[in-house]
All heavy atoms as atom14 arrays in JSON, in Angstrom:
{
  "sequence": "QWNTNAATVADFDGDGHDDIFIGNYFEDSPVLDPTVEGGVHMNHSM",
  "atom14_mask": [
    [1, 1, 1, 1, 1, 1, 1, 1, 1, 0, 0, 0, 0, 0],
    [1, 1, 1, 1, 1, 1, 1, 1, 1, 1, 1, 1, 1, 1],
    [1, 1, 1, 1, 1, 1, 1, 1, 0, 0, 0, 0, 0, 0],
    [1, 1, 1, 1, 1, 1, 1, 0, 0, 0, 0, 0, 0, 0],
    [1, 1, 1, 1, 1, 1, 1, 1, 0, 0, 0, 0, 0, 0],
    [1, 1, 1, 1, 1, 0, 0, 0, 0, 0, 0, 0, 0, 0],
    [1, 1, 1, 1, 1, 0, 0, 0, 0, 0, 0, 0, 0, 0],
    [1, 1, 1, 1, 1, 1, 1, 0, 0, 0, 0, 0, 0, 0],
    [1, 1, 1, 1, 1, 1, 1, 0, 0, 0, 0, 0, 0, 0],
    [1, 1, 1, 1, 1, 0, 0, 0, 0, 0, 0, 0, 0, 0],
    [1, 1, 1, 1, 1, 1, 1, 1, 0, 0, 0, 0, 0, 0],
    [1, 1, 1, 1, 1, 1, 1, 1, 1, 1, 1, 0, 0, 0],
    [1, 1, 1, 1, 1, 1, 1, 1, 0, 0, 0, 0, 0, 0],
    [1, 1, 1, 1, 0, 0, 0, 0, 0, 0, 0, 0, 0, 0],
    [1, 1, 1, 1, 1, 1, 1, 1, 0, 0, 0, 0, 0, 0],
    [1, 1, 1, 1, 0, 0, 0, 0, 0, 0, 0, 0, 0, 0],
    [1, 1, 1, 1, 1, 1, 1, 1, 1, 1, 0, 0, 0, 0],
    [1, 1, 1, 1, 1, 1, 1, 1, 0, 0, 0, 0, 0, 0],
    [1, 1, 1, 1, 1, 1, 1, 1, 0, 0, 0, 0, 0, 0],
    [1, 1, 1, 1, 1, 1, 1, 1, 0, 0, 0, 0, 0, 0],
    [1, 1, 1, 1, 1, 1, 1, 1, 1, 1, 1, 0, 0, 0],
    [1, 1, 1, 1, 1, 1, 1, 1, 0, 0, 0, 0, 0, 0],
    [1, 1, 1, 1, 0, 0, 0, 0, 0, 0, 0, 0, 0, 0],
    [1, 1, 1, 1, 1, 1, 1, 1, 0, 0, 0, 0, 0, 0],
    [1, 1, 1, 1, 1, 1, 1, 1, 1, 1, 1, 1, 0, 0],
    [1, 1, 1, 1, 1, 1, 1, 1, 1, 1, 1, 0, 0, 0],
    [1, 1, 1, 1, 1, 1, 1, 1, 1, 0, 0, 0, 0, 0],
    [1, 1, 1, 1, 1, 1, 1, 1, 0, 0, 0, 0, 0, 0],
    [1, 1, 1, 1, 1, 1, 0, 0, 0, 0, 0, 0, 0, 0],
    [1, 1, 1, 1, 1, 1, 1, 0, 0, 0, 0, 0, 0, 0],
    [1, 1, 1, 1, 1, 1, 1, 0, 0, 0, 0, 0, 0, 0],
    [1, 1, 1, 1, 1, 1, 1, 1, 0, 0, 0, 0, 0, 0],
    [1, 1, 1, 1, 1, 1, 1, 1, 0, 0, 0, 0, 0, 0],
    [1, 1, 1, 1, 1, 1, 1, 0, 0, 0, 0, 0, 0, 0],
    [1, 1, 1, 1, 1, 1, 1, 0, 0, 0, 0, 0, 0, 0],
    [1, 1, 1, 1, 1, 1, 1, 0, 0, 0, 0, 0, 0, 0],
    [1, 1, 1, 1, 1, 1, 1, 1, 1, 0, 0, 0, 0, 0],
    [1, 1, 1, 1, 0, 0, 0, 0, 0, 0, 0, 0, 0, 0],
    [1, 1, 1, 1, 0, 0, 0, 0, 0, 0, 0, 0, 0, 0],
    [1, 1, 1, 1, 1, 1, 1, 0, 0, 0, 0, 0, 0, 0],
    [1, 1, 1, 1, 1, 1, 1, 1, 1, 1, 0, 0, 0, 0],
    [1, 1, 1, 1, 1, 1, 1, 1, 0, 0, 0, 0, 0, 0],
    [1, 1, 1, 1, 1, 1, 1, 1, 0, 0, 0, 0, 0, 0],
    [1, 1, 1, 1, 1, 1, 1, 1, 1, 1, 0, 0, 0, 0],
    [1, 1, 1, 1, 1, 1, 0, 0, 0, 0, 0, 0, 0, 0],
    [1, 1, 1, 1, 1, 1, 1, 1, 0, 0, 0, 0, 0, 0]
  ],
  "atom14_positions": [
    [[-17.08, 142.59, 72.57], [-16.28, 143.32, 73.56], [-16.29, 144.81, 73.22], [-15.27, 145.38, 72.82], [-14.86, 142.76, 73.6], [-14.8, 141.34, 74.14], [-13.39, 140.77, 74.07], [-12.72, 140.79, 73.04], [-12.92, 140.26, 75.19], [0.0, 0.0, 0.0], [0.0, 0.0, 0.0], [0.0, 0.0, 0.0], [0.0, 0.0, 0.0], [0.0, 0.0, 0.0]],
    [[-17.45, 145.44, 73.39], [-17.53, 146.87, 73.18], [-16.75, 147.61, 74.24], [-16.62, 147.15, 75.39], [-18.98, 147.33, 73.21], [-19.79, 146.88, 72.04], [-19.42, 146.01, 71.05], [-21.14, 147.28, 71.75], [-20.44, 145.84, 70.16], [-21.51, 146.61, 70.55], [-22.05, 148.12, 72.36], [-22.77, 146.76, 69.98], [-23.31, 148.28, 71.79], [-23.66, 147.61, 70.6]],
    [[-16.24, 148.78, 73.87], [-15.52, 149.64, 74.81], [-16.13, 151.04, 74.7], [-15.64, 151.89, 73.96], [-14.03, 149.65, 74.48], [-13.4, 148.27, 74.63], [-13.27, 147.76, 75.74], [-13.04, 147.65, 73.51], [0.0, 0.0, 0.0], [0.0, 0.0, 0.0], [0.0, 0.0, 0.0], [0.0, 0.0, 0.0], [0.0, 0.0, 0.0], [0.0, 0.0, 0.0]],
    [[-17.2, 151.26, 75.46], [-18.05, 152.44, 75.3], [-17.65, 153.55, 76.25], [-17.44, 153.32, 77.44], [-19.52, 152.07, 75.56], [-19.88, 150.94, 74.75], [-20.45, 153.23, 75.24], [0.0, 0.0, 0.0], [0.0, 0.0, 0.0], [0.0, 0.0, 0.0], [0.0, 0.0, 0.0], [0.0, 0.0, 0.0], [0.0, 0.0, 0.0], [0.0, 0.0, 0.0]],
    [[-17.57, 154.78, 75.72], [-17.3, 155.96, 76.54], [-18.23, 157.13, 76.25], [-18.02, 158.23, 76.76], [-15.86, 156.42, 76.38], [-14.89, 155.67, 77.27], [-14.0, 154.99, 76.79], [-15.06, 155.77, 78.58], [0.0, 0.0, 0.0], [0.0, 0.0, 0.0], [0.0, 0.0, 0.0], [0.0, 0.0, 0.0], [0.0, 0.0, 0.0], [0.0, 0.0, 0.0]],
    [[-19.25, 156.91, 75.43], [-20.19, 157.99, 75.14], [-21.57, 157.41, 74.91], [-21.73, 156.35, 74.3], [-19.74, 158.77, 73.9], [0.0, 0.0, 0.0], [0.0, 0.0, 0.0], [0.0, 0.0, 0.0], [0.0, 0.0, 0.0], [0.0, 0.0, 0.0], [0.0, 0.0, 0.0], [0.0, 0.0, 0.0], [0.0, 0.0, 0.0], [0.0, 0.0, 0.0]],
    [[-22.57, 158.11, 75.42], [-23.96, 157.71, 75.22], [-24.85, 158.93, 75.35], [-24.55, 159.85, 76.13], [-24.38, 156.64, 76.22], [0.0, 0.0, 0.0], [0.0, 0.0, 0.0], [0.0, 0.0, 0.0], [0.0, 0.0, 0.0], [0.0, 0.0, 0.0], [0.0, 0.0, 0.0], [0.0, 0.0, 0.0], [0.0, 0.0, 0.0], [0.0, 0.0, 0.0]],
    [[-25.92, 158.96, 74.59], [-26.92, 159.99, 74.77], [-28.27, 159.41, 74.39], [-28.37, 158.53, 73.52], [-26.6, 161.26, 73.95], [-27.51, 162.3, 74.31], [-26.69, 161.01, 72.46], [0.0, 0.0, 0.0], [0.0, 0.0, 0.0], [0.0, 0.0, 0.0], [0.0, 0.0, 0.0], [0.0, 0.0, 0.0], [0.0, 0.0, 0.0], [0.0, 0.0, 0.0]],
    [[-29.31, 159.89, 75.07], [-30.67, 159.38, 74.9], [-31.52, 160.49, 74.3], [-31.52, 161.62, 74.79], [-31.25, 158.91, 76.24], [-32.71, 158.49, 76.08], [-30.42, 157.76, 76.81], [0.0, 0.0, 0.0], [0.0, 0.0, 0.0], [0.0, 0.0, 0.0], [0.0, 0.0, 0.0], [0.0, 0.0, 0.0], [0.0, 0.0, 0.0], [0.0, 0.0, 0.0]],
    [[-32.26, 160.18, 73.23], [-33.1, 161.16, 72.57], [-34.08, 160.43, 71.66], [-33.84, 159.29, 71.25], [-32.26, 162.15, 71.75], [0.0, 0.0, 0.0], [0.0, 0.0, 0.0], [0.0, 0.0, 0.0], [0.0, 0.0, 0.0], [0.0, 0.0, 0.0], [0.0, 0.0, 0.0], [0.0, 0.0, 0.0], [0.0, 0.0, 0.0], [0.0, 0.0, 0.0]],
    [[-35.18, 161.1, 71.33], [-36.13, 160.55, 70.37], [-35.64, 160.94, 68.98], [-36.12, 161.9, 68.37], [-37.53, 161.11, 70.65], [-38.57, 160.6, 69.68], [-38.26, 159.7, 68.87], [-39.71, 161.12, 69.72], [0.0, 0.0, 0.0], [0.0, 0.0, 0.0], [0.0, 0.0, 0.0], [0.0, 0.0, 0.0], [0.0, 0.0, 0.0], [0.0, 0.0, 0.0]],
    [[-34.67, 160.19, 68.47], [-34.02, 160.57, 67.22], [-34.96, 160.52, 66.02], [-34.86, 161.34, 65.1], [-32.81, 159.68, 66.96], [-31.62, 160.0, 67.82], [-31.26, 159.17, 68.87], [-30.88, 161.15, 67.61], [-30.18, 159.46, 69.67], [-29.78, 161.45, 68.4], [-29.44, 160.6, 69.45], [0.0, 0.0, 0.0], [0.0, 0.0, 0.0], [0.0, 0.0, 0.0]],
    [[-35.89, 159.55, 65.99], [-36.74, 159.42, 64.81], [-38.1, 160.08, 64.97], [-38.93, 160.03, 64.07], [-36.91, 157.94, 64.43], [-37.68, 157.14, 65.47], [-37.83, 157.63, 66.61], [-38.14, 156.03, 65.15], [0.0, 0.0, 0.0], [0.0, 0.0, 0.0], [0.0, 0.0, 0.0], [0.0, 0.0, 0.0], [0.0, 0.0, 0.0], [0.0, 0.0, 0.0]],
    [[-38.36, 160.73, 66.12], [-39.57, 161.48, 66.29], [-40.83, 160.64, 66.39], [-41.92, 161.12, 66.02], [0.0, 0.0, 0.0], [0.0, 0.0, 0.0], [0.0, 0.0, 0.0], [0.0, 0.0, 0.0], [0.0, 0.0, 0.0], [0.0, 0.0, 0.0], [0.0, 0.0, 0.0], [0.0, 0.0, 0.0], [0.0, 0.0, 0.0], [0.0, 0.0, 0.0]],
    [[-40.73, 159.43, 66.92], [-41.91, 158.58, 67.06], [-42.52, 158.64, 68.45], [-43.49, 157.91, 68.74], [-41.59, 157.13, 66.69], [-40.63, 156.46, 67.68], [-40.06, 157.17, 68.55], [-40.44, 155.23, 67.58], [0.0, 0.0, 0.0], [0.0, 0.0, 0.0], [0.0, 0.0, 0.0], [0.0, 0.0, 0.0], [0.0, 0.0, 0.0], [0.0, 0.0, 0.0]],
    [[-41.97, 159.48, 69.33], [-42.5, 159.62, 70.68], [-41.86, 158.72, 71.71], [-42.3, 158.7, 72.87], [0.0, 0.0, 0.0], [0.0, 0.0, 0.0], [0.0, 0.0, 0.0], [0.0, 0.0, 0.0], [0.0, 0.0, 0.0], [0.0, 0.0, 0.0], [0.0, 0.0, 0.0], [0.0, 0.0, 0.0], [0.0, 0.0, 0.0], [0.0, 0.0, 0.0]],
    [[-40.83, 157.97, 71.33], [-40.16, 157.06, 72.25], [-38.65, 157.33, 72.22], [-38.07, 157.62, 71.16], [-40.43, 155.61, 71.86], [-41.88, 155.26, 71.77], [-42.66, 155.0, 72.88], [-42.71, 155.18, 70.69], [-43.9, 154.75, 72.5], [-43.96, 154.85, 71.18], [0.0, 0.0, 0.0], [0.0, 0.0, 0.0], [0.0, 0.0, 0.0], [0.0, 0.0, 0.0]],
    [[-38.02, 157.22, 73.37], [-36.59, 157.53, 73.49], [-35.73, 156.45, 72.85], [-35.91, 155.25, 73.11], [-36.2, 157.69, 74.96], [-36.77, 158.95, 75.57], [-37.25, 159.81, 74.82], [-36.74, 159.06, 76.82], [0.0, 0.0, 0.0], [0.0, 0.0, 0.0], [0.0, 0.0, 0.0], [0.0, 0.0, 0.0], [0.0, 0.0, 0.0], [0.0, 0.0, 0.0]],
    [[-34.79, 156.89, 72.05], [-33.79, 156.01, 71.46], [-32.45, 156.23, 72.16], [-32.29, 157.15, 72.97], [-33.66, 156.31, 69.96], [-35.0, 156.33, 69.26], [-35.75, 155.34, 69.37], [-35.33, 157.35, 68.61], [0.0, 0.0, 0.0], [0.0, 0.0, 0.0], [0.0, 0.0, 0.0], [0.0, 0.0, 0.0], [0.0, 0.0, 0.0], [0.0, 0.0, 0.0]],
    [[-31.48, 155.39, 71.85], [-30.18, 155.44, 72.53], [-29.07, 155.47, 71.5], [-29.06, 154.66, 70.56], [-30.0, 154.23, 73.47], [-31.1, 154.2, 74.54], [-28.62, 154.25, 74.12], [-31.1, 152.91, 75.36], [0.0, 0.0, 0.0], [0.0, 0.0, 0.0], [0.0, 0.0, 0.0], [0.0, 0.0, 0.0], [0.0, 0.0, 0.0], [0.0, 0.0, 0.0]],
    [[-28.11, 156.39, 71.67], [-26.88, 156.38, 70.88], [-25.75, 155.86, 71.75], [-25.58, 156.29, 72.9], [-26.53, 157.78, 70.39], [-25.12, 157.88, 69.84], [-24.85, 157.49, 68.54], [-24.07, 158.32, 70.63], [-23.56, 157.54, 68.03], [-22.78, 158.38, 70.14], [-22.53, 157.99, 68.83], [0.0, 0.0, 0.0], [0.0, 0.0, 0.0], [0.0, 0.0, 0.0]],
    [[-24.97, 154.94, 71.22], [-23.81, 154.38, 71.91], [-22.57, 154.65, 71.06], [-22.49, 154.24, 69.89], [-23.95, 152.86, 72.14], [-25.1, 152.57, 73.1], [-22.65, 152.27, 72.67], [-24.88, 153.06, 74.53], [0.0, 0.0, 0.0], [0.0, 0.0, 0.0], [0.0, 0.0, 0.0], [0.0, 0.0, 0.0], [0.0, 0.0, 0.0], [0.0, 0.0, 0.0]],
    [[-21.59, 155.37, 71.64], [-20.33, 155.66, 70.97], [-19.19, 154.92, 71.62], [-18.94, 155.08, 72.83], [0.0, 0.0, 0.0], [0.0, 0.0, 0.0], [0.0, 0.0, 0.0], [0.0, 0.0, 0.0], [0.0, 0.0, 0.0], [0.0, 0.0, 0.0], [0.0, 0.0, 0.0], [0.0, 0.0, 0.0], [0.0, 0.0, 0.0], [0.0, 0.0, 0.0]],
    [[-18.49, 154.1, 70.86], [-17.39, 153.3, 71.4], [-16.04, 153.98, 71.17], [-15.86, 154.74, 70.22], [-17.4, 151.91, 70.78], [-18.56, 151.07, 71.29], [-18.79, 150.99, 72.49], [-19.32, 150.48, 70.38], [0.0, 0.0, 0.0], [0.0, 0.0, 0.0], [0.0, 0.0, 0.0], [0.0, 0.0, 0.0], [0.0, 0.0, 0.0], [0.0, 0.0, 0.0]],
    [[-15.11, 153.68, 72.05], [-13.76, 154.27, 72.01], [-12.81, 153.31, 71.29], [-12.57, 153.46, 70.1], [-13.31, 154.59, 73.43], [-12.04, 155.42, 73.51], [-12.06, 156.77, 73.16], [-10.84, 154.88, 73.94], [-10.92, 157.55, 73.22], [-9.69, 155.65, 74.01], [-9.72, 156.97, 73.66], [-8.59, 157.75, 73.73], [0.0, 0.0, 0.0], [0.0, 0.0, 0.0]],
    [[-12.28, 152.31, 71.98], [-11.5, 151.27, 71.31], [-12.42, 150.41, 70.45], [-13.61, 150.27, 70.73], [-10.81, 150.36, 72.34], [-9.7, 151.0, 73.11], [-9.92, 151.46, 74.4], [-8.44, 151.13, 72.57], [-8.91, 152.04, 75.13], [-7.41, 151.7, 73.29], [-7.64, 152.17, 74.57], [0.0, 0.0, 0.0], [0.0, 0.0, 0.0], [0.0, 0.0, 0.0]],
    [[-11.86, 149.82, 69.42], [-12.58, 148.8, 68.68], [-12.87, 147.62, 69.6], [-12.25, 147.45, 70.65], [-11.76, 148.32, 67.48], [-11.92, 149.17, 66.24], [-11.3, 148.52, 65.02], [-10.34, 147.74, 65.16], [-11.78, 148.8, 63.9], [0.0, 0.0, 0.0], [0.0, 0.0, 0.0], [0.0, 0.0, 0.0], [0.0, 0.0, 0.0], [0.0, 0.0, 0.0]],
    [[-13.83, 146.78, 69.19], [-14.12, 145.57, 69.96], [-12.82, 144.79, 70.15], [-12.22, 144.32, 69.17], [-15.12, 144.69, 69.22], [-16.45, 145.39, 69.0], [-16.54, 146.58, 69.29], [-17.39, 144.71, 68.55], [0.0, 0.0, 0.0], [0.0, 0.0, 0.0], [0.0, 0.0, 0.0], [0.0, 0.0, 0.0], [0.0, 0.0, 0.0], [0.0, 0.0, 0.0]],
    [[-12.39, 144.67, 71.39], [-11.09, 144.04, 71.64], [-10.93, 143.78, 73.13], [-11.58, 144.41, 73.97], [-9.94, 144.93, 71.14], [-10.02, 146.22, 71.73], [0.0, 0.0, 0.0], [0.0, 0.0, 0.0], [0.0, 0.0, 0.0], [0.0, 0.0, 0.0], [0.0, 0.0, 0.0], [0.0, 0.0, 0.0], [0.0, 0.0, 0.0], [0.0, 0.0, 0.0]],
    [[-10.02, 142.86, 73.5], [-9.82, 142.48, 74.9], [-8.93, 143.47, 75.65], [-7.85, 143.13, 76.15], [-9.17, 141.1, 74.8], [-8.39, 141.16, 73.51], [-9.22, 141.99, 72.58], [0.0, 0.0, 0.0], [0.0, 0.0, 0.0], [0.0, 0.0, 0.0], [0.0, 0.0, 0.0], [0.0, 0.0, 0.0], [0.0, 0.0, 0.0], [0.0, 0.0, 0.0]],
    [[-9.38, 144.73, 75.76], [-8.57, 145.78, 76.38], [-8.24, 145.44, 77.83], [-7.11, 145.67, 78.29], [-9.32, 147.13, 76.31], [-8.57, 148.21, 77.1], [-9.5, 147.56, 74.86], [0.0, 0.0, 0.0], [0.0, 0.0, 0.0], [0.0, 0.0, 0.0], [0.0, 0.0, 0.0], [0.0, 0.0, 0.0], [0.0, 0.0, 0.0], [0.0, 0.0, 0.0]],
    [[-9.19, 144.88, 78.56], [-9.02, 144.65, 80.0], [-8.75, 143.18, 80.34], [-9.0, 142.75, 81.47], [-10.26, 145.13, 80.76], [-10.58, 146.62, 80.64], [-11.82, 146.98, 81.44], [-9.39, 147.47, 81.09], [0.0, 0.0, 0.0], [0.0, 0.0, 0.0], [0.0, 0.0, 0.0], [0.0, 0.0, 0.0], [0.0, 0.0, 0.0], [0.0, 0.0, 0.0]],
    [[-8.22, 142.43, 79.39], [-7.91, 141.01, 79.63], [-6.4, 140.84, 79.81], [-5.65, 140.82, 78.83], [-8.41, 140.15, 78.48], [-8.35, 138.66, 78.8], [-7.65, 138.29, 79.76], [-9.0, 137.89, 78.08], [0.0, 0.0, 0.0], [0.0, 0.0, 0.0], [0.0, 0.0, 0.0], [0.0, 0.0, 0.0], [0.0, 0.0, 0.0], [0.0, 0.0, 0.0]],
    [[-5.91, 140.7, 81.06], [-4.46, 140.59, 81.3], [-3.88, 139.24, 80.91], [-2.65, 139.07, 80.93], [-4.35, 140.82, 82.81], [-5.65, 140.33, 83.36], [-6.68, 140.66, 82.31], [0.0, 0.0, 0.0], [0.0, 0.0, 0.0], [0.0, 0.0, 0.0], [0.0, 0.0, 0.0], [0.0, 0.0, 0.0], [0.0, 0.0, 0.0], [0.0, 0.0, 0.0]],
    [[-4.73, 138.28, 80.51], [-4.21, 136.97, 80.09], [-3.91, 136.93, 78.6], [-3.37, 135.93, 78.11], [-5.23, 135.87, 80.43], [-6.4, 136.01, 79.6], [-5.64, 135.94, 81.89], [0.0, 0.0, 0.0], [0.0, 0.0, 0.0], [0.0, 0.0, 0.0], [0.0, 0.0, 0.0], [0.0, 0.0, 0.0], [0.0, 0.0, 0.0], [0.0, 0.0, 0.0]],
    [[-4.26, 138.0, 77.9], [-4.12, 138.02, 76.44], [-3.01, 139.0, 76.04], [-2.87, 140.07, 76.62], [-5.44, 138.43, 75.77], [-5.26, 138.62, 74.27], [-6.51, 137.38, 76.05], [0.0, 0.0, 0.0], [0.0, 0.0, 0.0], [0.0, 0.0, 0.0], [0.0, 0.0, 0.0], [0.0, 0.0, 0.0], [0.0, 0.0, 0.0], [0.0, 0.0, 0.0]],
    [[-2.24, 138.61, 75.04], [-1.25, 139.5, 74.44], [-1.63, 139.74, 72.99], [-1.65, 138.81, 72.19], [0.15, 138.9, 74.53], [1.23, 139.85, 73.99], [2.63, 139.3, 74.21], [2.76, 138.15, 74.67], [3.61, 140.04, 73.95], [0.0, 0.0, 0.0], [0.0, 0.0, 0.0], [0.0, 0.0, 0.0], [0.0, 0.0, 0.0], [0.0, 0.0, 0.0]],
    [[-1.96, 140.98, 72.67], [-2.35, 141.29, 71.3], [-3.85, 141.4, 71.13], [-4.63, 141.34, 72.08], [0.0, 0.0, 0.0], [0.0, 0.0, 0.0], [0.0, 0.0, 0.0], [0.0, 0.0, 0.0], [0.0, 0.0, 0.0], [0.0, 0.0, 0.0], [0.0, 0.0, 0.0], [0.0, 0.0, 0.0], [0.0, 0.0, 0.0], [0.0, 0.0, 0.0]],
    [[-4.25, 141.57, 69.86], [-5.66, 141.74, 69.55], [-6.17, 143.14, 69.85], [-7.39, 143.37, 69.85], [0.0, 0.0, 0.0], [0.0, 0.0, 0.0], [0.0, 0.0, 0.0], [0.0, 0.0, 0.0], [0.0, 0.0, 0.0], [0.0, 0.0, 0.0], [0.0, 0.0, 0.0], [0.0, 0.0, 0.0], [0.0, 0.0, 0.0], [0.0, 0.0, 0.0]],
    [[-5.26, 144.07, 70.13], [-5.63, 145.44, 70.46], [-4.74, 146.4, 69.67], [-3.7, 146.01, 69.16], [-5.47, 145.72, 71.98], [-6.43, 144.88, 72.79], [-4.03, 145.47, 72.43], [0.0, 0.0, 0.0], [0.0, 0.0, 0.0], [0.0, 0.0, 0.0], [0.0, 0.0, 0.0], [0.0, 0.0, 0.0], [0.0, 0.0, 0.0], [0.0, 0.0, 0.0]],
    [[-5.16, 147.64, 69.57], [-4.33, 148.66, 68.92], [-4.7, 150.02, 69.48], [-5.67, 150.19, 70.19], [-4.51, 148.62, 67.41], [-5.91, 148.95, 66.95], [-6.76, 148.01, 66.45], [-6.61, 150.12, 66.93], [-7.92, 148.57, 66.13], [-7.85, 149.86, 66.42], [0.0, 0.0, 0.0], [0.0, 0.0, 0.0], [0.0, 0.0, 0.0], [0.0, 0.0, 0.0]],
    [[-3.9, 151.02, 69.11], [-4.17, 152.4, 69.47], [-4.64, 153.15, 68.21], [-4.8, 152.56, 67.14], [-2.93, 153.05, 70.08], [-2.45, 152.4, 71.38], [-3.66, 152.47, 72.73], [-3.57, 154.21, 73.15], [0.0, 0.0, 0.0], [0.0, 0.0, 0.0], [0.0, 0.0, 0.0], [0.0, 0.0, 0.0], [0.0, 0.0, 0.0], [0.0, 0.0, 0.0]],
    [[-4.83, 154.44, 68.34], [-5.24, 155.28, 67.21], [-4.15, 155.3, 66.14], [-2.96, 155.32, 66.45], [-5.52, 156.69, 67.7], [-4.43, 157.23, 68.62], [-4.23, 156.68, 69.7], [-3.73, 158.27, 68.21], [0.0, 0.0, 0.0], [0.0, 0.0, 0.0], [0.0, 0.0, 0.0], [0.0, 0.0, 0.0], [0.0, 0.0, 0.0], [0.0, 0.0, 0.0]],
    [[-4.56, 155.32, 64.87], [-3.56, 155.35, 63.81], [-3.19, 156.77, 63.4], [-2.45, 156.96, 62.42], [-4.02, 154.54, 62.6], [-5.29, 155.01, 61.96], [-6.03, 154.24, 61.1], [-5.97, 156.18, 62.07], [-7.09, 154.91, 60.7], [-7.07, 156.08, 61.27], [0.0, 0.0, 0.0], [0.0, 0.0, 0.0], [0.0, 0.0, 0.0], [0.0, 0.0, 0.0]],
    [[-3.7, 157.77, 64.14], [-3.33, 159.16, 63.87], [-3.72, 160.0, 65.07], [-4.67, 159.68, 65.78], [-4.05, 159.67, 62.61], [-3.88, 161.07, 62.46], [0.0, 0.0, 0.0], [0.0, 0.0, 0.0], [0.0, 0.0, 0.0], [0.0, 0.0, 0.0], [0.0, 0.0, 0.0], [0.0, 0.0, 0.0], [0.0, 0.0, 0.0], [0.0, 0.0, 0.0]],
    [[-2.97, 161.07, 65.3], [-3.33, 162.0, 66.37], [-4.42, 162.98, 65.94], [-5.04, 163.62, 66.78], [-2.09, 162.78, 66.84], [-1.23, 162.02, 67.82], [-2.04, 161.85, 69.42], [-0.79, 160.94, 70.33], [0.0, 0.0, 0.0], [0.0, 0.0, 0.0], [0.0, 0.0, 0.0], [0.0, 0.0, 0.0], [0.0, 0.0, 0.0], [0.0, 0.0, 0.0]]
  ]
}
């Protein structure tokens, strides 16, 4: 259950082919599951 809000495409290793970076926001968790209570958290610092 990835929660992705950032991505960029680039040839990071210089082999001539495009690679993909995926940056996730929340940890893997049921953020959008209204049948579940718990298993989620917020940031532990501002």
